[in-house]
Amino acid sequence: MSAMLQSPCINICKMDAASGLCIGCWRTIDEITVWSRSDDAARSHILAAVARRRMENEPETGHPTKNSTDHD
């Protein structure tokens, strides 16, 4: 039996109300919910969607852009 694809979770679990995406892993709540029950084909589909979202939102780094209210 091969190892399952790993979750993109980076333990920054906060849903963005505007986009409906987790700001840490770029998944929807539905994708997060089904992940543990998904096979590699379904996980690959989710990971492809995550990669696409990252590139669409932050093409140079793949990370969300911080806005001015995110300062420490």
N, C-alpha and C. Protein backbone atom coordinates (compact mmCIF):
# COMPACT_ATOMS: atom_id res chain seq x y z
N MET A 1 0.85 -1.19 0.00
CA MET A 1 0.00 0.00 0.00
C MET A 1 0.89 1.25 0.00
N SER A 2 0.61 2.17 -0.89
CA SER A 2 1.41 3.39 -0.96
C SER A 2 0.88 4.45 0.00
N ALA A 3 1.75 5.38 0.34
CA ALA A 3 1.36 6.47 1.24
C ALA A 3 0.39 7.41 0.51
N MET A 4 -0.58 7.91 1.25
CA MET A 4 -1.54 8.85 0.70
C MET A 4 -0.87 10.22 0.51
N LEU A 5 -1.38 11.00 -0.42
CA LEU A 5 -0.89 12.36 -0.62
C LEU A 5 -1.10 13.16 0.66
N GLN A 6 -0.12 13.95 1.02
CA GLN A 6 -0.16 14.72 2.25
C GLN A 6 -1.02 15.97 2.10
N SER A 7 -1.63 16.34 3.20
CA SER A 7 -2.47 17.54 3.27
C SER A 7 -1.63 18.80 3.05
N PRO A 8 -2.20 19.80 2.38
CA PRO A 8 -1.50 21.08 2.22
C PRO A 8 -1.59 21.96 3.47
N CYS A 9 -2.22 21.46 4.53
CA CYS A 9 -2.40 22.23 5.76
C CYS A 9 -1.04 22.65 6.33
N ILE A 10 -0.93 23.93 6.69
CA ILE A 10 0.29 24.44 7.32
C ILE A 10 0.01 25.00 8.71
N ASN A 11 -1.11 24.56 9.28
CA ASN A 11 -1.51 24.94 10.64
C ASN A 11 -1.74 26.44 10.81
N ILE A 12 -2.18 27.08 9.76
CA ILE A 12 -2.67 28.46 9.83
C ILE A 12 -4.11 28.38 9.37
N CYS A 13 -4.96 27.94 10.28
CA CYS A 13 -6.34 27.59 9.93
C CYS A 13 -7.28 28.74 10.24
N LYS A 14 -7.57 29.52 9.21
CA LYS A 14 -8.50 30.63 9.34
C LYS A 14 -9.18 30.82 8.00
N MET A 15 -10.49 30.78 8.01
CA MET A 15 -11.24 30.93 6.77
C MET A 15 -11.41 32.41 6.45
N ASP A 16 -11.13 32.76 5.20
CA ASP A 16 -11.34 34.11 4.71
C ASP A 16 -12.79 34.23 4.26
N ALA A 17 -13.53 35.12 4.90
CA ALA A 17 -14.97 35.27 4.61
C ALA A 17 -15.23 35.69 3.17
N ALA A 18 -14.38 36.54 2.62
CA ALA A 18 -14.59 37.04 1.26
C ALA A 18 -14.40 35.95 0.20
N SER A 19 -13.36 35.15 0.35
CA SER A 19 -13.06 34.15 -0.67
C SER A 19 -13.62 32.77 -0.34
N GLY A 20 -13.88 32.51 0.92
CA GLY A 20 -14.33 31.18 1.33
C GLY A 20 -13.20 30.17 1.40
N LEU A 21 -11.95 30.67 1.40
CA LEU A 21 -10.78 29.81 1.42
C LEU A 21 -10.03 29.94 2.74
N CYS A 22 -9.36 28.86 3.15
CA CYS A 22 -8.46 28.92 4.30
C CYS A 22 -7.25 29.76 3.89
N ILE A 23 -6.85 30.70 4.73
CA ILE A 23 -5.70 31.55 4.38
C ILE A 23 -4.38 30.80 4.48
N GLY A 24 -4.37 29.65 5.14
CA GLY A 24 -3.14 28.86 5.25
C GLY A 24 -2.94 27.89 4.10
N CYS A 25 -3.98 27.14 3.76
CA CYS A 25 -3.81 26.07 2.77
C CYS A 25 -4.57 26.29 1.46
N TRP A 26 -5.35 27.36 1.38
CA TRP A 26 -6.09 27.72 0.16
C TRP A 26 -7.20 26.73 -0.20
N ARG A 27 -7.65 25.91 0.76
CA ARG A 27 -8.75 24.99 0.47
C ARG A 27 -10.07 25.59 0.94
N THR A 28 -11.16 25.12 0.31
CA THR A 28 -12.49 25.47 0.77
C THR A 28 -12.82 24.61 1.98
N ILE A 29 -13.85 24.99 2.73
CA ILE A 29 -14.25 24.18 3.88
C ILE A 29 -14.68 22.79 3.44
N ASP A 30 -15.32 22.68 2.28
CA ASP A 30 -15.72 21.37 1.76
C ASP A 30 -14.50 20.50 1.45
N GLU A 31 -13.46 21.11 0.86
CA GLU A 31 -12.23 20.36 0.55
C GLU A 31 -11.53 19.90 1.83
N ILE A 32 -11.51 20.76 2.83
CA ILE A 32 -10.90 20.41 4.12
C ILE A 32 -11.67 19.25 4.76
N THR A 33 -12.99 19.33 4.72
CA THR A 33 -13.84 18.33 5.35
C THR A 33 -13.68 16.94 4.73
N VAL A 34 -13.59 16.87 3.41
CA VAL A 34 -13.53 15.56 2.75
C VAL A 34 -12.11 15.00 2.64
N TRP A 35 -11.10 15.80 2.94
CA TRP A 35 -9.71 15.38 2.72
C TRP A 35 -9.39 14.02 3.35
N SER A 36 -9.71 13.82 4.61
CA SER A 36 -9.31 12.58 5.30
C SER A 36 -10.00 11.34 4.74
N ARG A 37 -11.12 11.52 4.05
CA ARG A 37 -11.85 10.40 3.45
C ARG A 37 -11.57 10.25 1.96
N SER A 38 -10.71 11.10 1.41
CA SER A 38 -10.47 11.11 -0.03
C SER A 38 -9.34 10.17 -0.42
N ASP A 39 -9.46 9.59 -1.62
CA ASP A 39 -8.36 8.79 -2.16
C ASP A 39 -7.38 9.73 -2.87
N ASP A 40 -6.29 9.16 -3.37
CA ASP A 40 -5.26 10.00 -4.00
C ASP A 40 -5.77 10.75 -5.23
N ALA A 41 -6.70 10.17 -5.98
CA ALA A 41 -7.23 10.86 -7.16
C ALA A 41 -7.98 12.12 -6.74
N ALA A 42 -8.82 12.01 -5.71
CA ALA A 42 -9.55 13.18 -5.23
C ALA A 42 -8.61 14.19 -4.60
N ARG A 43 -7.61 13.71 -3.86
CA ARG A 43 -6.63 14.61 -3.25
C ARG A 43 -5.83 15.35 -4.32
N SER A 44 -5.48 14.66 -5.38
CA SER A 44 -4.75 15.30 -6.48
C SER A 44 -5.58 16.42 -7.11
N HIS A 45 -6.86 16.18 -7.25
CA HIS A 45 -7.77 17.19 -7.79
C HIS A 45 -7.80 18.42 -6.87
N ILE A 46 -7.89 18.20 -5.57
CA ILE A 46 -7.89 19.30 -4.59
C ILE A 46 -6.56 20.04 -4.64
N LEU A 47 -5.45 19.30 -4.68
CA LEU A 47 -4.13 19.94 -4.72
C LEU A 47 -3.94 20.77 -5.99
N ALA A 48 -4.49 20.31 -7.10
CA ALA A 48 -4.41 21.09 -8.35
C ALA A 48 -5.20 22.38 -8.22
N ALA A 49 -6.36 22.31 -7.58
CA ALA A 49 -7.17 23.52 -7.36
C ALA A 49 -6.44 24.48 -6.43
N VAL A 50 -5.79 23.96 -5.40
CA VAL A 50 -5.02 24.78 -4.48
C VAL A 50 -3.88 25.50 -5.22
N ALA A 51 -3.15 24.76 -6.04
CA ALA A 51 -2.03 25.35 -6.80
C ALA A 51 -2.53 26.44 -7.73
N ARG A 52 -3.65 26.19 -8.38
CA ARG A 52 -4.23 27.18 -9.29
C ARG A 52 -4.63 28.45 -8.53
N ARG A 53 -5.26 28.28 -7.38
CA ARG A 53 -5.67 29.44 -6.57
C ARG A 53 -4.47 30.24 -6.11
N ARG A 54 -3.43 29.55 -5.69
CA ARG A 54 -2.21 30.27 -5.26
C ARG A 54 -1.64 31.11 -6.38
N MET A 55 -1.54 30.53 -7.56
CA MET A 55 -0.96 31.26 -8.68
C MET A 55 -1.86 32.40 -9.15
N GLU A 56 -3.16 32.22 -9.08
CA GLU A 56 -4.08 33.28 -9.48
C GLU A 56 -4.06 34.45 -8.50
N ASN A 57 -3.85 34.16 -7.23
CA ASN A 57 -3.91 35.19 -6.20
C ASN A 57 -2.57 35.83 -5.89
N GLU A 58 -1.51 35.08 -6.04
CA GLU A 58 -0.17 35.61 -5.76
C GLU A 58 0.83 34.91 -6.67
N PRO A 59 0.88 35.31 -7.94
CA PRO A 59 1.67 34.60 -8.94
C PRO A 59 3.16 34.48 -8.65
N GLU A 60 3.75 35.46 -7.99
CA GLU A 60 5.19 35.41 -7.80
C GLU A 60 5.62 34.49 -6.66
N THR A 61 4.85 34.44 -5.58
CA THR A 61 5.27 33.68 -4.42
C THR A 61 4.36 32.51 -4.07
N GLY A 62 3.12 32.56 -4.51
CA GLY A 62 2.16 31.54 -4.13
C GLY A 62 1.61 31.74 -2.74
N HIS A 63 1.87 32.91 -2.14
CA HIS A 63 1.38 33.21 -0.81
C HIS A 63 0.39 34.37 -0.86
N PRO A 64 -0.57 34.37 0.07
CA PRO A 64 -1.52 35.49 0.10
C PRO A 64 -0.80 36.81 0.32
N THR A 65 -1.32 37.85 -0.27
CA THR A 65 -0.79 39.19 -0.06
C THR A 65 -1.28 39.71 1.26
N LYS A 66 -0.36 40.19 2.10
CA LYS A 66 -0.77 40.80 3.35
C LYS A 66 -1.27 42.21 3.07
N ASN A 67 -2.33 42.58 3.77
CA ASN A 67 -2.79 43.96 3.60
C ASN A 67 -2.31 44.79 4.77
N SER A 68 -2.60 46.05 4.75
CA SER A 68 -2.07 46.98 5.75
C SER A 68 -2.57 46.70 7.16
N THR A 69 -3.64 45.94 7.33
CA THR A 69 -4.14 45.66 8.68
C THR A 69 -3.44 44.47 9.30
N ASP A 70 -2.52 43.82 8.59
CA ASP A 70 -1.84 42.64 9.10
C ASP A 70 -0.53 42.94 9.81
N HIS A 71 -0.21 44.18 10.05
CA HIS A 71 1.04 44.52 10.70
C HIS A 71 1.02 44.18 12.17
N ASP A 72 2.18 43.79 12.71
CA ASP A 72 2.28 43.47 14.15
C ASP A 72 2.31 44.72 14.98
